[in-house]
Amino acid sequence: MGRVMNAVPTLATLLEGFFTRRLMMQRKASPHTIASYRDTFRLLLRFAQQHLGKAPSDLALSDVDVPLVLAFLDDLEQGRGASERTRNLRLTAIHSFFRYVAFESPAHAALVQRVLAIPSKRFTRTLVNYLSRAEVDALLAAPDRSTWSGRRDHALILLAVQTGLRLSELTGLQRDDLSMGTGSHVRVIGKGRKERCTPLSKVTRTILAAWMREPLKAPGQPLFPNAQGGHLSSHGVHYLLAKHVTAARDNCPSLASKRVTPHVLRHTTAMDLLQAGVEQALIALWLGHESIETTQKYLDADLALKEQVLAKTTPPGTKAGRYRPGDKLLAFLTSL
């Protein structure tokens, strides 16, 4: 007796499977990725409802065709003022869903191919912002280390600059994630649930060891807790960093022209590694980048810095030499 063929899955069924099986179970996507993809499809389904007059639960996969997706992307830019980068992020989520559909519903292969052929939009990549060594030193000197919060902030900023951890990785650190013995390092679970270990310098290890001796404010508190012993929020880290940047400007005026965020500290780590001669592939491994191409922006920034230095230098006062023809035989060989 032959196997009964399954019915063609609905859009609702495919979306549920995409988020639960594909993203959460198979790819073990981070909460940030899941939230970003969720927001994309909320916007897309509402857009489809307005333009097709169908409730999201009644939409068929065939309704989400190329004209609808392109109209949605255009509306993001023109109606909502989204940047080209945001447009591309939304398209990445849609492409990811349709690659899942290709396996789950082969009957829609033609539709899948057409949607996957929608190209990302080119945009001008701005050079990364990072801090100089003098700016880093001024920032590290800003927290009042005679106070509990000042010692916490100093340790947090030092760890961020030395390791290049993402903000979510910093706030999620537990005390057990630090290994303070031989080969001291910090262990994190980064994007895509990928584990990586980043070595600690002697100075960072010393500061963190002192911080770990501070009395606990709550059982099982994270490495960098708030005043109650709970997790520091993203807003809390941005606030404390902005406070110390303001204080550091007195000793380092160049900070006044820079917007310093936790991600700028991550960029600073990358630039320090690059200027120390570390290869691009190792920087990508250090930062936990999915692709080595992500690290290219640091090479671009370093080249721009070197060009600025070159523009300020005085070229050697040499004169152009007079051209003299070389040996005819060598010239012939060169021309081949």
Protein backbone atom coordinates (compact mmCIF):
# COMPACT_ATOMS: atom_id res chain seq x y z
CA MET A 1 0.00 0.00 0.00
CA GLY A 2 1.51 3.32 -1.06
CA ARG A 3 2.33 6.12 1.34
CA VAL A 4 -0.29 8.84 1.65
CA MET A 5 1.14 12.12 0.35
CA ASN A 6 1.04 15.04 2.78
CA ALA A 7 -0.95 18.09 1.84
CA VAL A 8 0.91 21.23 0.80
CA PRO A 9 1.68 23.09 4.05
CA THR A 10 0.10 26.47 4.65
CA LEU A 11 1.98 29.72 5.20
CA ALA A 12 1.06 29.63 8.90
CA THR A 13 2.36 26.06 9.26
CA LEU A 14 5.59 26.91 7.44
CA LEU A 15 6.23 30.01 9.55
CA GLU A 16 5.63 28.10 12.79
CA GLY A 17 8.03 25.37 11.66
CA PHE A 18 10.60 27.93 10.55
CA PHE A 19 10.75 29.56 13.97
CA THR A 20 10.42 26.47 16.17
CA ARG A 21 12.27 23.75 14.25
CA ARG A 22 14.62 25.69 11.98
CA LEU A 23 15.70 28.67 14.08
CA MET A 24 15.30 27.43 17.64
CA MET A 25 16.03 23.70 17.42
CA GLN A 26 18.33 23.27 14.42
CA ARG A 27 20.23 26.54 14.21
CA LYS A 28 19.90 27.37 17.92
CA ALA A 29 19.58 31.02 16.93
CA SER A 30 20.14 33.68 19.56
CA PRO A 31 17.17 35.52 21.12
CA HIS A 32 18.32 38.64 19.26
CA THR A 33 18.12 36.87 15.87
CA ILE A 34 14.74 35.35 16.66
CA ALA A 35 13.38 38.75 17.74
CA SER A 36 14.71 40.40 14.57
CA TYR A 37 13.16 37.75 12.30
CA ARG A 38 9.90 37.87 14.27
CA ASP A 39 9.67 41.64 13.78
CA THR A 40 10.32 41.21 10.05
CA PHE A 41 7.40 38.84 9.59
CA ARG A 42 5.10 40.89 11.79
CA LEU A 43 5.71 43.85 9.50
CA LEU A 44 5.41 41.74 6.35
CA LEU A 45 2.14 40.08 7.39
CA ARG A 46 0.57 43.40 8.37
CA PHE A 47 1.66 44.88 5.06
CA ALA A 48 0.13 41.93 3.21
CA GLN A 49 -3.10 42.27 5.18
CA GLN A 50 -3.41 45.94 4.20
CA HIS A 51 -2.70 45.34 0.52
CA LEU A 52 -4.47 42.02 -0.04
CA GLY A 53 -7.35 42.37 2.41
CA LYS A 54 -6.61 38.98 4.01
CA ALA A 55 -6.02 38.20 7.67
CA PRO A 56 -2.47 36.87 8.26
CA SER A 57 -3.83 33.41 9.19
CA ASP A 58 -5.67 33.25 5.84
CA LEU A 59 -2.67 34.13 3.68
CA ALA A 60 -1.33 31.50 1.33
CA LEU A 61 2.38 31.15 0.63
CA SER A 62 1.68 32.10 -2.98
CA ASP A 63 0.41 35.48 -1.73
CA VAL A 64 3.95 36.30 -0.57
CA ASP A 65 5.32 36.63 -4.07
CA VAL A 66 8.04 38.84 -5.55
CA PRO A 67 5.80 41.89 -6.21
CA LEU A 68 4.53 41.83 -2.62
CA VAL A 69 8.01 41.43 -1.11
CA LEU A 70 9.44 44.22 -3.28
CA ALA A 71 6.52 46.51 -2.39
CA PHE A 72 7.11 45.70 1.29
CA LEU A 73 10.82 46.53 1.05
CA ASP A 74 10.07 49.78 -0.78
CA ASP A 75 7.54 50.72 1.89
CA LEU A 76 10.14 50.14 4.59
CA GLU A 77 12.48 52.66 2.99
CA GLN A 78 10.03 55.23 1.65
CA GLY A 79 7.16 54.94 4.11
CA ARG A 80 9.00 54.09 7.31
CA GLY A 81 12.32 55.78 6.61
CA ALA A 82 14.32 52.59 7.11
CA SER A 83 17.95 52.60 6.04
CA GLU A 84 19.32 50.43 3.25
CA ARG A 85 21.04 48.32 5.90
CA THR A 86 17.71 47.70 7.69
CA ARG A 87 16.06 46.85 4.37
CA ASN A 88 18.75 44.26 3.71
CA LEU A 89 18.34 42.75 7.19
CA ARG A 90 14.61 42.31 6.57
CA LEU A 91 15.33 40.70 3.22
CA THR A 92 17.84 38.35 4.87
CA ALA A 93 15.08 37.09 7.18
CA ILE A 94 12.72 36.55 4.23
CA HIS A 95 15.42 34.73 2.26
CA SER A 96 16.14 32.49 5.25
CA PHE A 97 12.45 31.56 5.49
CA PHE A 98 12.20 30.74 1.79
CA ARG A 99 15.30 28.54 1.94
CA TYR A 100 13.46 26.60 4.65
CA VAL A 101 10.36 26.46 2.41
CA ALA A 102 12.47 24.94 -0.38
CA PHE A 103 12.97 21.82 1.76
CA GLU A 104 9.54 21.70 3.37
CA SER A 105 7.40 22.42 0.30
CA PRO A 106 9.08 21.46 -3.00
CA ALA A 107 5.82 22.27 -4.81
CA HIS A 108 6.66 25.95 -4.36
CA ALA A 109 10.15 25.63 -5.89
CA ALA A 110 9.48 28.20 -8.62
CA LEU A 111 8.19 30.79 -6.14
CA VAL A 112 11.14 30.13 -3.83
CA GLN A 113 13.66 30.67 -6.63
CA ARG A 114 12.08 33.98 -7.64
CA VAL A 115 12.05 35.35 -4.07
CA LEU A 116 15.62 34.19 -3.39
CA ALA A 117 16.69 36.05 -6.54
CA ILE A 118 15.68 39.42 -5.00
CA PRO A 119 19.05 41.14 -4.48
CA SER A 120 20.23 43.05 -1.46
CA LYS A 121 20.64 46.76 -1.94
CA ARG A 122 24.13 48.18 -2.18
CA PHE A 123 25.00 50.86 0.34
CA THR A 124 28.01 52.90 1.31
CA ARG A 125 29.69 51.32 4.29
CA THR A 126 30.86 53.91 6.82
CA LEU A 127 34.24 53.41 8.44
CA VAL A 128 34.12 51.97 11.93
CA ASN A 129 34.54 54.22 14.94
CA TYR A 130 37.13 53.19 17.53
CA LEU A 131 39.21 54.66 20.34
CA SER A 132 42.90 55.49 20.37
CA ARG A 133 45.16 54.18 23.12
CA ALA A 134 45.13 57.58 24.88
CA GLU A 135 41.31 57.63 24.76
CA VAL A 136 41.12 54.11 26.20
CA ASP A 137 43.49 55.03 29.03
CA ALA A 138 41.43 58.13 29.86
CA LEU A 139 38.21 56.09 29.86
CA LEU A 140 39.68 53.42 32.15
CA ALA A 141 40.89 56.10 34.56
CA ALA A 142 37.45 57.73 34.80
CA PRO A 143 35.57 55.37 37.19
CA ASP A 144 36.01 56.14 40.89
CA ARG A 145 37.60 52.91 42.10
CA SER A 146 37.07 53.80 45.75
CA THR A 147 33.40 52.82 45.21
CA TRP A 148 31.83 49.43 44.43
CA SER A 149 30.22 50.66 41.21
CA GLY A 150 33.45 52.32 40.09
CA ARG A 151 35.42 49.09 40.54
CA ARG A 152 32.71 47.17 38.65
CA ASP A 153 32.69 49.68 35.79
CA HIS A 154 36.48 49.72 35.54
CA ALA A 155 36.61 45.91 35.36
CA LEU A 156 33.78 45.76 32.83
CA ILE A 157 35.29 48.38 30.50
CA LEU A 158 38.75 46.79 30.71
CA LEU A 159 37.36 43.35 29.87
CA ALA A 160 35.32 44.80 26.99
CA VAL A 161 38.30 46.59 25.44
CA GLN A 162 40.69 43.65 25.84
CA THR A 163 38.37 40.87 24.65
CA GLY A 164 35.97 42.61 22.24
CA LEU A 165 32.95 40.84 23.72
CA ARG A 166 29.52 41.86 22.48
CA LEU A 167 27.24 43.77 24.87
CA SER A 168 24.94 40.76 25.30
CA GLU A 169 27.96 38.57 26.04
CA LEU A 170 29.25 40.99 28.69
CA THR A 171 25.93 41.30 30.52
CA GLY A 172 25.35 37.55 30.33
CA LEU A 173 28.69 36.56 31.89
CA GLN A 174 28.60 34.39 35.00
CA ARG A 175 31.44 34.11 37.47
CA ASP A 176 31.99 30.49 36.35
CA ASP A 177 32.68 31.72 32.80
CA LEU A 178 36.07 33.01 33.97
CA SER A 179 39.05 30.67 34.17
CA MET A 180 41.73 32.35 36.28
CA GLY A 181 44.39 29.64 36.39
CA THR A 182 47.07 28.81 33.83
CA GLY A 183 45.87 29.92 30.41
CA SER A 184 43.31 32.28 31.93
CA HIS A 185 40.38 33.04 29.63
CA VAL A 186 36.72 33.97 29.46
CA ARG A 187 34.18 31.60 27.91
CA VAL A 188 31.10 32.89 26.11
CA ILE A 189 28.29 31.54 23.94
CA GLY A 190 28.11 33.95 21.01
CA LYS A 191 25.98 34.31 17.90
CA GLY A 192 24.56 31.07 16.57
CA ARG A 193 25.10 29.50 20.01
CA LYS A 194 28.77 29.09 19.16
CA GLU A 195 31.13 28.77 22.10
CA ARG A 196 34.46 30.58 22.10
CA CYS A 197 37.19 31.22 24.65
CA THR A 198 39.12 34.49 24.67
CA PRO A 199 42.45 34.74 26.55
CA LEU A 200 42.93 37.34 29.25
CA SER A 201 45.96 39.60 29.57
CA LYS A 202 47.90 39.72 32.83
CA VAL A 203 46.46 43.14 33.72
CA THR A 204 42.88 42.07 32.96
CA ARG A 205 43.30 38.88 34.98
CA THR A 206 44.61 40.84 37.98
CA ILE A 207 41.72 43.34 37.90
CA LEU A 208 39.11 40.60 37.49
CA ALA A 209 40.63 38.53 40.31
CA ALA A 210 40.29 41.54 42.62
CA TRP A 211 36.72 42.12 41.44
CA MET A 212 35.81 38.49 42.13
CA ARG A 213 36.77 38.99 45.79
CA GLU A 214 34.06 41.63 46.24
CA PRO A 215 31.22 40.53 48.58
CA LEU A 216 28.22 39.12 46.72
CA LYS A 217 25.03 41.18 46.64
CA ALA A 218 22.83 38.19 45.77
CA PRO A 219 23.25 34.41 45.43
CA GLY A 220 24.24 33.36 41.92
CA GLN A 221 24.76 36.94 40.76
CA PRO A 222 26.30 37.55 37.31
CA LEU A 223 29.90 38.69 36.93
CA PHE A 224 28.85 42.32 36.49
CA PRO A 225 25.64 42.80 38.51
CA ASN A 226 23.51 45.85 39.08
CA ALA A 227 23.20 47.39 42.55
CA GLN A 228 20.68 44.72 43.59
CA GLY A 229 22.77 41.80 42.37
CA GLY A 230 20.73 41.19 39.20
CA HIS A 231 21.71 41.45 35.55
CA LEU A 232 22.83 44.80 34.16
CA SER A 233 20.51 45.86 31.37
CA SER A 234 21.70 47.06 27.99
CA HIS A 235 20.49 50.53 28.93
CA GLY A 236 22.46 50.33 32.17
CA VAL A 237 25.73 49.60 30.37
CA HIS A 238 25.13 52.41 27.88
CA TYR A 239 24.40 54.77 30.79
CA LEU A 240 27.51 53.93 32.81
CA LEU A 241 29.71 54.13 29.72
CA ALA A 242 28.32 57.54 28.75
CA LYS A 243 28.89 58.78 32.32
CA HIS A 244 32.54 57.78 32.30
CA VAL A 245 33.13 59.13 28.79
CA THR A 246 31.84 62.51 29.96
CA ALA A 247 34.27 62.45 32.90
CA ALA A 248 37.17 61.28 30.71
CA ARG A 249 36.79 64.24 28.34
CA ASP A 250 38.48 66.53 30.87
CA ASN A 251 41.74 64.63 30.42
CA CYS A 252 41.20 63.59 26.80
CA PRO A 253 39.34 66.28 24.77
CA SER A 254 39.25 64.13 21.60
CA LEU A 255 36.54 62.01 23.25
CA ALA A 256 34.17 64.96 22.89
CA SER A 257 33.95 64.34 19.14
CA LYS A 258 33.19 60.62 19.45
CA ARG A 259 30.03 58.70 20.23
CA VAL A 260 31.29 55.89 22.45
CA THR A 261 29.12 52.79 22.75
CA PRO A 262 29.83 49.22 23.89
CA HIS A 263 30.20 48.26 20.24
CA VAL A 264 32.84 50.97 19.75
CA LEU A 265 34.86 49.19 22.46
CA ARG A 266 34.55 46.00 20.38
CA HIS A 267 35.78 47.90 17.31
CA THR A 268 38.70 49.18 19.41
CA THR A 269 39.74 45.62 20.23
CA ALA A 270 39.72 44.69 16.56
CA MET A 271 41.78 47.72 15.55
CA ASP A 272 44.32 47.02 18.31
CA LEU A 273 44.73 43.47 17.05
CA LEU A 274 45.00 44.59 13.43
CA GLN A 275 47.60 47.26 14.16
CA ALA A 276 49.57 44.73 16.22
CA GLY A 277 49.92 42.61 13.07
CA VAL A 278 47.30 39.94 13.82
CA GLU A 279 45.95 38.31 10.66
CA GLN A 280 42.38 38.97 9.53
CA ALA A 281 41.32 35.34 10.01
CA LEU A 282 42.51 35.34 13.63
CA ILE A 283 40.69 38.61 14.35
CA ALA A 284 37.48 37.06 12.99
CA LEU A 285 38.04 34.05 15.27
CA TRP A 286 38.78 36.29 18.26
CA LEU A 287 35.59 38.33 17.80
CA GLY A 288 33.39 35.36 16.93
CA HIS A 289 32.51 36.56 13.43
CA GLU A 290 30.47 34.21 11.25
CA SER A 291 32.51 35.17 8.19
CA ILE A 292 36.00 36.54 7.70
CA GLU A 293 34.45 39.11 5.33
CA THR A 294 32.93 40.85 8.36
CA THR A 295 36.45 41.77 9.47
CA GLN A 296 37.16 43.60 6.19
CA LYS A 297 35.75 46.84 7.63
CA TYR A 298 38.66 47.02 10.06
CA LEU A 299 41.16 46.74 7.22
CA ASP A 300 39.34 49.57 5.42
CA ALA A 301 39.48 51.74 8.55
CA ASP A 302 43.18 51.01 9.06
CA LEU A 303 43.95 51.92 5.44
CA ALA A 304 42.00 55.18 5.77
CA LEU A 305 44.01 56.04 8.89
CA LYS A 306 47.30 55.38 7.10
CA GLU A 307 46.19 57.53 4.16
CA GLN A 308 45.48 60.40 6.57
CA VAL A 309 48.98 60.04 8.01
CA LEU A 310 50.48 59.96 4.52
CA ALA A 311 48.64 63.15 3.57
CA LYS A 312 50.26 64.96 6.52
CA THR A 313 53.81 63.93 5.65
CA THR A 314 56.16 65.91 3.43
CA PRO A 315 57.14 63.96 0.31
CA PRO A 316 60.88 63.52 -0.27
CA GLY A 317 62.38 66.34 -2.32
CA THR A 318 63.51 64.16 -5.21
CA LYS A 319 63.55 65.05 -8.86
CA ALA A 320 62.15 62.95 -11.66
CA GLY A 321 64.90 61.07 -13.44
CA ARG A 322 65.45 61.24 -17.17
CA TYR A 323 64.15 58.23 -19.05
CA ARG A 324 66.84 56.15 -20.69
CA PRO A 325 65.86 53.28 -22.96
CA GLY A 326 66.98 49.90 -21.71
CA ASP A 327 68.49 46.98 -23.51
CA LYS A 328 66.53 46.12 -26.68
CA LEU A 329 66.49 42.41 -25.95
CA LEU A 330 65.25 42.91 -22.40
CA ALA A 331 62.63 45.34 -23.70
CA PHE A 332 61.47 42.72 -26.18
CA LEU A 333 61.20 40.07 -23.45
CA THR A 334 59.30 42.50 -21.22
CA SER A 335 56.81 43.18 -23.99
CA LEU A 336 55.89 39.49 -24.34
